[in-house]
PDB file of N, CA and C in Angstrom:
ATOM      1  N   UNK A   1      88.464 101.369 109.533  1.00  0.00           N
ATOM      2  CA  UNK A   1      87.774  99.543 109.069  1.00  0.00           C
ATOM      3  C   UNK A   1      88.399  99.136 108.419  1.00  0.00           C
ATOM      4  N   UNK A   2      87.776  98.057 108.289  1.00  0.00           N
ATOM      5  CA  UNK A   2      87.808  96.787 106.970  1.00  0.00           C
ATOM      6  C   UNK A   2      86.772  96.699 105.585  1.00  0.00           C
ATOM      7  N   UNK A   3      86.857  96.655 104.265  1.00  0.00           N
ATOM      8  CA  UNK A   3      86.024  96.767 103.240  1.00  0.00           C
ATOM      9  C   UNK A   3      86.347  95.143 103.011  1.00  0.00           C
ATOM     10  N   UNK A   4      86.084  94.196 101.959  1.00  0.00           N
ATOM     11  CA  UNK A   4      85.365  93.370 101.205  1.00  0.00           C
ATOM     12  C   UNK A   4      84.860  93.509  99.702  1.00  0.00           C
ATOM     13  N   UNK A   5      85.807  93.654  98.942  1.00  0.00           N
ATOM     14  CA  UNK A   5      86.574  94.063  97.847  1.00  0.00           C
ATOM     15  C   UNK A   5      85.825  92.635  97.633  1.00  0.00           C
ATOM     16  N   UNK A   6      84.727  92.225  96.713  1.00  0.00           N
ATOM     17  CA  UNK A   6      84.352  90.466  95.230  1.00  0.00           C
ATOM     18  C   UNK A   6      84.277  91.006  94.331  1.00  0.00           C
ATOM     19  N   UNK A   7      85.227  90.658  93.060  1.00  0.00           N
ATOM     20  CA  UNK A   7      85.239  90.899  92.476  1.00  0.00           C
ATOM     21  C   UNK A   7      84.881  89.362  91.599  1.00  0.00           C
ATOM     22  N   UNK A   8      84.297  89.983  90.375  1.00  0.00           N
ATOM     23  CA  UNK A   8      83.914  88.686  88.893  1.00  0.00           C
ATOM     24  C   UNK A   8      84.883  89.623  88.037  1.00  0.00           C
ATOM     25  N   UNK A   9      85.636  87.986  86.818  1.00  0.00           N
ATOM     26  CA  UNK A   9      86.203  88.667  86.075  1.00  0.00           C
ATOM     27  C   UNK A   9      85.224  88.733  84.733  1.00  0.00           C
ATOM     28  N   UNK A  10      85.781  88.562  83.561  1.00  0.00           N
ATOM     29  CA  UNK A  10      84.508  89.191  82.526  1.00  0.00           C
ATOM     30  C   UNK A  10      85.266  87.877  81.840  1.00  0.00           C
ATOM     31  N   UNK A  11      84.628  86.461  81.355  1.00  0.00           N
ATOM     32  CA  UNK A  11      83.580  85.595  80.901  1.00  0.00           C
ATOM     33  C   UNK A  11      85.111  85.659  79.667  1.00  0.00           C
ATOM     34  N   UNK A  12      85.984  85.151  79.774  1.00  0.00           N
ATOM     35  CA  UNK A  12      87.475  84.191  78.941  1.00  0.00           C
ATOM     36  C   UNK A  12      88.243  85.942  79.162  1.00  0.00           C
ATOM     37  N   UNK A  13      88.083  85.439  79.926  1.00  0.00           N
ATOM     38  CA  UNK A  13      89.191  87.234  81.144  1.00  0.00           C
ATOM     39  C   UNK A  13      90.511  86.272  81.256  1.00  0.00           C
ATOM     40  N   UNK A  14      90.806  84.742  81.409  1.00  0.00           N
ATOM     41  CA  UNK A  14      91.678  84.806  81.458  1.00  0.00           C
ATOM     42  C   UNK A  14      93.329  85.773  81.980  1.00  0.00           C
ATOM     43  N   UNK A  15      93.438  85.160  80.693  1.00  0.00           N
ATOM     44  CA  UNK A  15      94.294  86.030  79.185  1.00  0.00           C
ATOM     45  C   UNK A  15      94.397  87.038  79.944  1.00  0.00           C
ATOM     46  N   UNK A  16      93.655  88.139  80.566  1.00  0.00           N
ATOM     47  CA  UNK A  16      94.304  89.333  81.040  1.00  0.00           C
ATOM     48  C   UNK A  16      93.973  89.416  82.538  1.00  0.00           C
ATOM     49  N   UNK A  17      94.145  88.524  83.059  1.00  0.00           N
ATOM     50  CA  UNK A  17      93.751  88.572  84.451  1.00  0.00           C
ATOM     51  C   UNK A  17      95.268  87.806  84.552  1.00  0.00           C
ATOM     52  N   UNK A  18      95.898  86.707  83.260  1.00  0.00           N
ATOM     53  CA  UNK A  18      97.387  86.165  83.704  1.00  0.00           C
ATOM     54  C   UNK A  18      98.137  87.457  83.597  1.00  0.00           C
ATOM     55  N   UNK A  19      97.686  88.516  82.583  1.00  0.00           N
ATOM     56  CA  UNK A  19      99.218  89.554  81.443  1.00  0.00           C
ATOM     57  C   UNK A  19      99.200  90.299  82.818  1.00  0.00           C
ATOM     58  N   UNK A  20      97.831  90.761  83.626  1.00  0.00           N
ATOM     59  CA  UNK A  20      98.347  91.913  84.668  1.00  0.00           C
ATOM     60  C   UNK A  20      98.542  91.684  86.471  1.00  0.00           C
ATOM     61  N   UNK A  21      98.492  90.257  86.298  1.00  0.00           N
ATOM     62  CA  UNK A  21      99.125  89.637  88.015  1.00  0.00           C
ATOM     63  C   UNK A  21     100.512  90.102  88.526  1.00  0.00           C
ATOM     64  N   UNK A  22     100.800  90.016  87.740  1.00  0.00           N
ATOM     65  CA  UNK A  22     102.040  90.633  88.232  1.00  0.00           C
ATOM     66  C   UNK A  22     102.153  92.013  88.854  1.00  0.00           C
ATOM     67  N   UNK A  23     101.579  92.788  87.455  1.00  0.00           N
ATOM     68  CA  UNK A  23     101.377  94.282  88.110  1.00  0.00           C
ATOM     69  C   UNK A  23     100.959  95.003  89.329  1.00  0.00           C
ATOM     70  N   UNK A  24      99.347  93.320  89.260  1.00  0.00           N
ATOM     71  CA  UNK A  24      98.638  93.247  90.852  1.00  0.00           C
ATOM     72  C   UNK A  24      99.152  92.795  92.096  1.00  0.00           C
ATOM     73  N   UNK A  25      99.889  92.151  92.096  1.00  0.00           N
ATOM     74  CA  UNK A  25     100.282  91.513  93.214  1.00  0.00           C
ATOM     75  C   UNK A  25     101.479  92.992  93.713  1.00  0.00           C
ATOM     76  N   UNK A  26     101.603  93.309  93.118  1.00  0.00           N
ATOM     77  CA  UNK A  26     103.029  94.414  93.280  1.00  0.00           C
ATOM     78  C   UNK A  26     102.273  95.756  93.740  1.00  0.00           C
ATOM     79  N   UNK A  27     100.964  96.125  93.391  1.00  0.00           N
ATOM     80  CA  UNK A  27     100.085  97.240  93.947  1.00  0.00           C
ATOM     81  C   UNK A  27      99.497  96.674  95.353  1.00  0.00           C
ATOM     82  N   UNK A  28      98.901  95.523  95.505  1.00  0.00           N
ATOM     83  CA  UNK A  28      99.203  94.703  96.582  1.00  0.00           C
ATOM     84  C   UNK A  28     100.069  94.698  98.061  1.00  0.00           C
ATOM     85  N   UNK A  29     101.643  94.755  97.373  1.00  0.00           N
ATOM     86  CA  UNK A  29     102.420  95.468  98.034  1.00  0.00           C
ATOM     87  C   UNK A  29     102.698  96.265  98.766  1.00  0.00           C
ATOM     88  N   UNK A  30     103.197  97.206  97.009  1.00  0.00           N
ATOM     89  CA  UNK A  30     103.112  98.796  97.609  1.00  0.00           C
ATOM     90  C   UNK A  30     102.669  99.164  98.377  1.00  0.00           C
ATOM     91  N   UNK A  31     101.165  99.604  98.490  1.00  0.00           N
ATOM     92  CA  UNK A  31      99.593  99.943  98.822  1.00  0.00           C
ATOM     93  C   UNK A  31      99.750 100.016 100.822  1.00  0.00           C
ATOM     94  N   UNK A  32     100.033  98.663 100.876  1.00  0.00           N
ATOM     95  CA  UNK A  32     100.057  98.064 102.453  1.00  0.00           C
ATOM     96  C   UNK A  32      98.957  98.147 102.970  1.00  0.00           C
ATOM     97  N   UNK A  33      97.999  97.890 102.599  1.00  0.00           N
ATOM     98  CA  UNK A  33      96.141  97.749 103.120  1.00  0.00           C
ATOM     99  C   UNK A  33      95.880  96.679 103.049  1.00  0.00           C
ATOM    100  N   UNK A  34      96.169  95.283 102.634  1.00  0.00           N
ATOM    101  CA  UNK A  34      95.953  94.266 102.159  1.00  0.00           C
ATOM    102  C   UNK A  34      95.908  93.708 102.959  1.00  0.00           C
ATOM    103  N   UNK A  35      94.671  92.822 103.770  1.00  0.00           N
ATOM    104  CA  UNK A  35      94.825  92.115 105.098  1.00  0.00           C
ATOM    105  C   UNK A  35      94.948  90.876 104.445  1.00  0.00           C
ATOM    106  N   UNK A  36      94.508  90.455 103.614  1.00  0.00           N
ATOM    107  CA  UNK A  36      93.509  88.889 103.258  1.00  0.00           C
ATOM    108  C   UNK A  36      93.535  89.082 101.158  1.00  0.00           C
ATOM    109  N   UNK A  37      94.009  88.620 100.630  1.00  0.00           N
ATOM    110  CA  UNK A  37      93.621  88.032  99.211  1.00  0.00           C
ATOM    111  C   UNK A  37      94.022  86.999  98.747  1.00  0.00           C
ATOM    112  N   UNK A  38      93.259  86.882  98.100  1.00  0.00           N
ATOM    113  CA  UNK A  38      93.104  85.736  96.714  1.00  0.00           C
ATOM    114  C   UNK A  38      91.995  85.762  95.812  1.00  0.00           C
ATOM    115  N   UNK A  39      92.474  85.450  94.507  1.00  0.00           N
ATOM    116  CA  UNK A  39      91.314  84.798  93.867  1.00  0.00           C
ATOM    117  C   UNK A  39      89.981  83.934  94.266  1.00  0.00           C
ATOM    118  N   UNK A  40      89.572  84.286  93.352  1.00  0.00           N
ATOM    119  CA  UNK A  40      88.493  83.053  93.708  1.00  0.00           C
ATOM    120  C   UNK A  40      88.540  82.646  91.772  1.00  0.00           C
ATOM    121  N   UNK A  41      88.289  80.647  92.732  1.00  0.00           N
ATOM    122  CA  UNK A  41      87.891  79.613  91.342  1.00  0.00           C
ATOM    123  C   UNK A  41      86.560  79.567  90.586  1.00  0.00           C
ATOM    124  N   UNK A  42      86.250  78.414  89.323  1.00  0.00           N
ATOM    125  CA  UNK A  42      86.346  78.112  88.887  1.00  0.00           C
ATOM    126  C   UNK A  42      85.745  76.101  89.725  1.00  0.00           C
ATOM    127  N   UNK A  43      85.003  75.500  88.760  1.00  0.00           N
ATOM    128  CA  UNK A  43      84.857  74.542  89.350  1.00  0.00           C
ATOM    129  C   UNK A  43      86.570  74.056  88.537  1.00  0.00           C
ATOM    130  N   UNK A  44      86.597  74.463  87.080  1.00  0.00           N
ATOM    131  CA  UNK A  44      88.042  73.842  86.652  1.00  0.00           C
ATOM    132  C   UNK A  44      89.532  74.725  87.872  1.00  0.00           C
ATOM    133  N   UNK A  45      89.306  75.129  88.556  1.00  0.00           N
ATOM    134  CA  UNK A  45      90.130  75.805  89.361  1.00  0.00           C
ATOM    135  C   UNK A  45      90.984  76.255  89.031  1.00  0.00           C
ATOM    136  N   UNK A  46      90.200  77.638  88.091  1.00  0.00           N
ATOM    137  CA  UNK A  46      90.889  78.725  86.984  1.00  0.00           C
ATOM    138  C   UNK A  46      89.999  79.541  87.565  1.00  0.00           C
ATOM    139  N   UNK A  47      91.425  80.972  88.174  1.00  0.00           N
ATOM    140  CA  UNK A  47      90.769  81.532  88.688  1.00  0.00           C
ATOM    141  C   UNK A  47      89.764  82.214  88.144  1.00  0.00           C
ATOM    142  N   UNK A  48      88.583  83.419  88.423  1.00  0.00           N
ATOM    143  CA  UNK A  48      87.321  83.965  87.666  1.00  0.00           C
ATOM    144  C   UNK A  48      87.353  85.242  88.240  1.00  0.00           C
ATOM    145  N   UNK A  49      87.481  85.502  89.316  1.00  0.00           N
ATOM    146  CA  UNK A  49      87.572  86.589  90.475  1.00  0.00           C
ATOM    147  C   UNK A  49      88.490  86.796  91.373  1.00  0.00           C
ATOM    148  N   UNK A  50      87.325  87.948  92.659  1.00  0.00           N
ATOM    149  CA  UNK A  50      88.784  87.851  93.689  1.00  0.00           C
ATOM    150  C   UNK A  50      88.395  87.712  94.019  1.00  0.00           C
ATOM    151  N   UNK A  51      88.745  88.533  95.763  1.00  0.00           N
ATOM    152  CA  UNK A  51      88.627  88.258  97.001  1.00  0.00           C
ATOM    153  C   UNK A  51      89.153  88.755  98.063  1.00  0.00           C
ATOM    154  N   UNK A  52      89.574  90.434  98.216  1.00  0.00           N
ATOM    155  CA  UNK A  52      89.921  91.511  99.051  1.00  0.00           C
ATOM    156  C   UNK A  52      89.349  91.959 100.461  1.00  0.00           C
ATOM    157  N   UNK A  53      90.288  91.739 101.371  1.00  0.00           N
ATOM    158  CA  UNK A  53      89.925  92.058 102.174  1.00  0.00           C
ATOM    159  C   UNK A  53      90.293  93.529 102.767  1.00  0.00           C
ATOM    160  N   UNK A  54      90.130  94.879 102.514  1.00  0.00           N
ATOM    161  CA  UNK A  54      91.139  95.865 102.165  1.00  0.00           C
ATOM    162  C   UNK A  54      91.701  96.355 104.298  1.00  0.00           C
ATOM    163  N   UNK A  55      92.071  97.373 104.499  1.00  0.00           N
ATOM    164  CA  UNK A  55      91.756  97.731 105.885  1.00  0.00           C
ATOM    165  C   UNK A  55      92.872  98.955 105.810  1.00  0.00           C
ATOM    166  N   UNK A  56      91.819 100.019 105.426  1.00  0.00           N
ATOM    167  CA  UNK A  56      91.975 101.818 105.027  1.00  0.00           C
ATOM    168  C   UNK A  56      90.344 102.434 106.099  1.00  0.00           C
ATOM    169  N   UNK A  57      90.791 103.668 106.037  1.00  0.00           N
ATOM    170  CA  UNK A  57      89.854 104.857 106.696  1.00  0.00           C
ATOM    171  C   UNK A  57      88.713 104.477 106.124  1.00  0.00           C
ATOM    172  N   UNK A  58      88.611 104.455 105.550  1.00  0.00           N
ATOM    173  CA  UNK A  58      87.262 104.753 105.314  1.00  0.00           C
ATOM    174  C   UNK A  58      86.364 103.758 103.928  1.00  0.00           C
ATOM    175  N   UNK A  59      85.438 103.818 102.486  1.00  0.00           N
ATOM    176  CA  UNK A  59      85.096 103.507 101.681  1.00  0.00           C
ATOM    177  C   UNK A  59      85.406 104.270 101.041  1.00  0.00           C
ATOM    178  N   UNK A  60      86.153 105.522 100.751  1.00  0.00           N
ATOM    179  CA  UNK A  60      85.940 106.539  99.599  1.00  0.00           C
ATOM    180  C   UNK A  60      87.062 105.875  99.283  1.00  0.00           C
ATOM    181  N   UNK A  61      87.735 105.328 100.729  1.00  0.00           N
ATOM    182  CA  UNK A  61      90.237 105.271 100.485  1.00  0.00           C
ATOM    183  C   UNK A  61      89.405 103.377  99.871  1.00  0.00           C
ATOM    184  N   UNK A  62      88.122 103.092 100.261  1.00  0.00           N
ATOM    185  CA  UNK A  62      88.444 101.468  99.568  1.00  0.00           C
ATOM    186  C   UNK A  62      88.311 101.892  98.168  1.00  0.00           C
ATOM    187  N   UNK A  63      87.759 102.440  97.534  1.00  0.00           N
ATOM    188  CA  UNK A  63      86.701 102.842  96.140  1.00  0.00           C
ATOM    189  C   UNK A  63      87.900 103.177  95.399  1.00  0.00           C
ATOM    190  N   UNK A  64      89.105 104.455  95.769  1.00  0.00           N
ATOM    191  CA  UNK A  64      90.325 104.742  95.447  1.00  0.00           C
ATOM    192  C   UNK A  64      91.145 103.438  95.431  1.00  0.00           C
ATOM    193  N   UNK A  65      91.485 101.934  95.992  1.00  0.00           N
ATOM    194  CA  UNK A  65      91.981 101.449  96.189  1.00  0.00           C
ATOM    195  C   UNK A  65      92.161  99.884  95.021  1.00  0.00           C
ATOM    196  N   UNK A  66      90.394 100.322  95.420  1.00  0.00           N
ATOM    197  CA  UNK A  66      90.159  99.292  94.254  1.00  0.00           C
ATOM    198  C   UNK A  66      90.212  99.587  92.167  1.00  0.00           C
ATOM    199  N   UNK A  67      89.761 101.609  92.052  1.00  0.00           N
ATOM    200  CA  UNK A  67      89.255 101.940  90.733  1.00  0.00           C
ATOM    201  C   UNK A  67      90.967 102.313  90.527  1.00  0.00           C
ATOM    202  N   UNK A  68      91.549 101.789  91.329  1.00  0.00           N
ATOM    203  CA  UNK A  68      93.655 102.112  90.986  1.00  0.00           C
ATOM    204  C   UNK A  68      93.987 100.098  91.136  1.00  0.00           C
ATOM    205  N   UNK A  69      93.703  99.572  91.420  1.00  0.00           N
ATOM    206  CA  UNK A  69      94.066  98.329  90.458  1.00  0.00           C
ATOM    207  C   UNK A  69      93.866  97.713  89.272  1.00  0.00           C
ATOM    208  N   UNK A  70      95.324  97.431  89.352  1.00  0.00           N
ATOM    209  CA  UNK A  70      95.425  96.923  87.866  1.00  0.00           C
ATOM    210  C   UNK A  70      94.855  95.797  87.144  1.00  0.00           C
ATOM    211  N   UNK A  71      93.752  95.251  87.355  1.00  0.00           N
ATOM    212  CA  UNK A  71      92.885  94.519  87.474  1.00  0.00           C
ATOM    213  C   UNK A  71      91.803  95.654  86.815  1.00  0.00           C
ATOM    214  N   UNK A  72      91.371  96.216  88.031  1.00  0.00           N
ATOM    215  CA  UNK A  72      90.623  97.442  86.997  1.00  0.00           C
ATOM    216  C   UNK A  72      90.626  97.800  86.081  1.00  0.00           C
ATOM    217  N   UNK A  73      92.349  98.893  86.051  1.00  0.00           N
ATOM    218  CA  UNK A  73      92.502  99.505  85.157  1.00  0.00           C
ATOM    219  C   UNK A  73      92.328  98.805  83.303  1.00  0.00           C
ATOM    220  N   UNK A  74      92.902  97.405  83.996  1.00  0.00           N
ATOM    221  CA  UNK A  74      92.373  96.738  82.364  1.00  0.00           C
ATOM    222  C   UNK A  74      91.681  96.134  81.909  1.00  0.00           C
ATOM    223  N   UNK A  75      89.882  96.487  82.735  1.00  0.00           N
ATOM    224  CA  UNK A  75      89.191  96.485  81.716  1.00  0.00           C
ATOM    225  C   UNK A  75      88.976  94.567  83.227  1.00  0.00           C
ATOM    226  N   UNK A  76      89.349  93.609  84.078  1.00  0.00           N
ATOM    227  CA  UNK A  76      89.214  92.614  84.541  1.00  0.00           C
ATOM    228  C   UNK A  76      88.023  92.173  84.868  1.00  0.00           C
ATOM    229  N   UNK A  77      87.155  93.368  84.713  1.00  0.00           N
ATOM    230  CA  UNK A  77      86.111  92.407  85.801  1.00  0.00           C
ATOM    231  C   UNK A  77      84.720  93.433  84.877  1.00  0.00           C
ATOM    232  N   UNK A  78      83.614  91.612  85.353  1.00  0.00           N
ATOM    233  CA  UNK A  78      81.718  92.145  84.892  1.00  0.00           C
ATOM    234  C   UNK A  78      81.856  92.741  85.526  1.00  0.00           C
ATOM    235  N   UNK A  79      82.301  92.352  87.567  1.00  0.00           N
ATOM    236  CA  UNK A  79      81.197  92.926  88.465  1.00  0.00           C
ATOM    237  C   UNK A  79      81.926  93.493  89.749  1.00  0.00           C
ATOM    238  N   UNK A  80      81.490  95.261  90.620  1.00  0.00           N
ATOM    239  CA  UNK A  80      82.406  94.728  91.415  1.00  0.00           C
ATOM    240  C   UNK A  80      81.869  94.675  93.196  1.00  0.00           C
ATOM    241  N   UNK A  81      82.216  94.440  93.113  1.00  0.00           N
ATOM    242  CA  UNK A  81      81.237  94.924  94.833  1.00  0.00           C
ATOM    243  C   UNK A  81      81.924  95.642  96.351  1.00  0.00           C
ATOM    244  N   UNK A  82      81.869  95.844  97.151  1.00  0.00           N
ATOM    245  CA  UNK A  82      82.031  97.011  98.356  1.00  0.00           C
ATOM    246  C   UNK A  82      81.756  96.642  98.356  1.00  0.00           C
ATOM    247  N   UNK A  83      81.896  95.953 100.119  1.00  0.00           N
ATOM    248  CA  UNK A  83      81.392  96.351 101.127  1.00  0.00           C
ATOM    249  C   UNK A  83      82.281  96.416 102.718  1.00  0.00           C
ATOM    250  N   UNK A  84      81.240  97.090 103.513  1.00  0.00           N
ATOM    251  CA  UNK A  84      81.981  97.157 104.655  1.00  0.00           C
ATOM    252  C   UNK A  84      82.360  95.524 105.367  1.00  0.00           C
ATOM    253  N   UNK A  85      83.216  94.867 106.179  1.00  0.00           N
ATOM    254  CA  UNK A  85      83.232  94.056 106.745  1.00  0.00           C
ATOM    255  C   UNK A  85      83.839  94.454 108.164  1.00  0.00           C
ATOM    256  N   UNK A  86      83.408  93.409 109.000  1.00  0.00           N
ATOM    257  CA  UNK A  86      83.380  93.149 110.806  1.00  0.00           C
ATOM    258  C   UNK A  86      84.354  91.847 110.273  1.00  0.00           C
ATOM    259  N   UNK A  87      85.797  91.812 110.678  1.00  0.00           N
ATOM    260  CA  UNK A  87      86.181  90.543 111.541  1.00  0.00           C
ATOM    261  C   UNK A  87      85.507  90.212 112.994  1.00  0.00           C
ATOM    262  N   UNK A  88      85.188  88.709 112.475  1.00  0.00           N
ATOM    263  CA  UNK A  88      85.072  88.184 113.793  1.00  0.00           C
ATOM    264  C   UNK A  88      85.902  87.680 114.305  1.00  0.00           C
ATOM    265  N   UNK A  89      85.709  86.153 113.518  1.00  0.00           N
ATOM    266  CA  UNK A  89      86.753  85.390 113.808  1.00  0.00           C
ATOM    267  C   UNK A  89      88.349  85.084 112.207  1.00  0.00           C
ATOM    268  N   UNK A  90      89.464  84.515 113.057  1.00  0.00           N
ATOM    269  CA  UNK A  90      90.318  84.793 111.729  1.00  0.00           C
ATOM    270  C   UNK A  90      91.350  86.375 112.479  1.00  0.00           C
TER     271      UNK A  90
END
């Protein structure tokens, strides 16, 4: 199953994102369940959240992946949404 993980960073947390980016990218590579991912940008072009499409067995696995993301462990996010997602185009 695919799940869309959508996050919003806490205000003023760009440095937290930058400090944990290498670990976050390594986690993505190591877990091998991310189909696509990228940062959400604010009006100034700065990273302020994430959109990640996971391909995992179920919602529990998606939640576990999200909870163990180094960004989440660093307390980066003010909001996290996780929804089942169906790929239609692309």
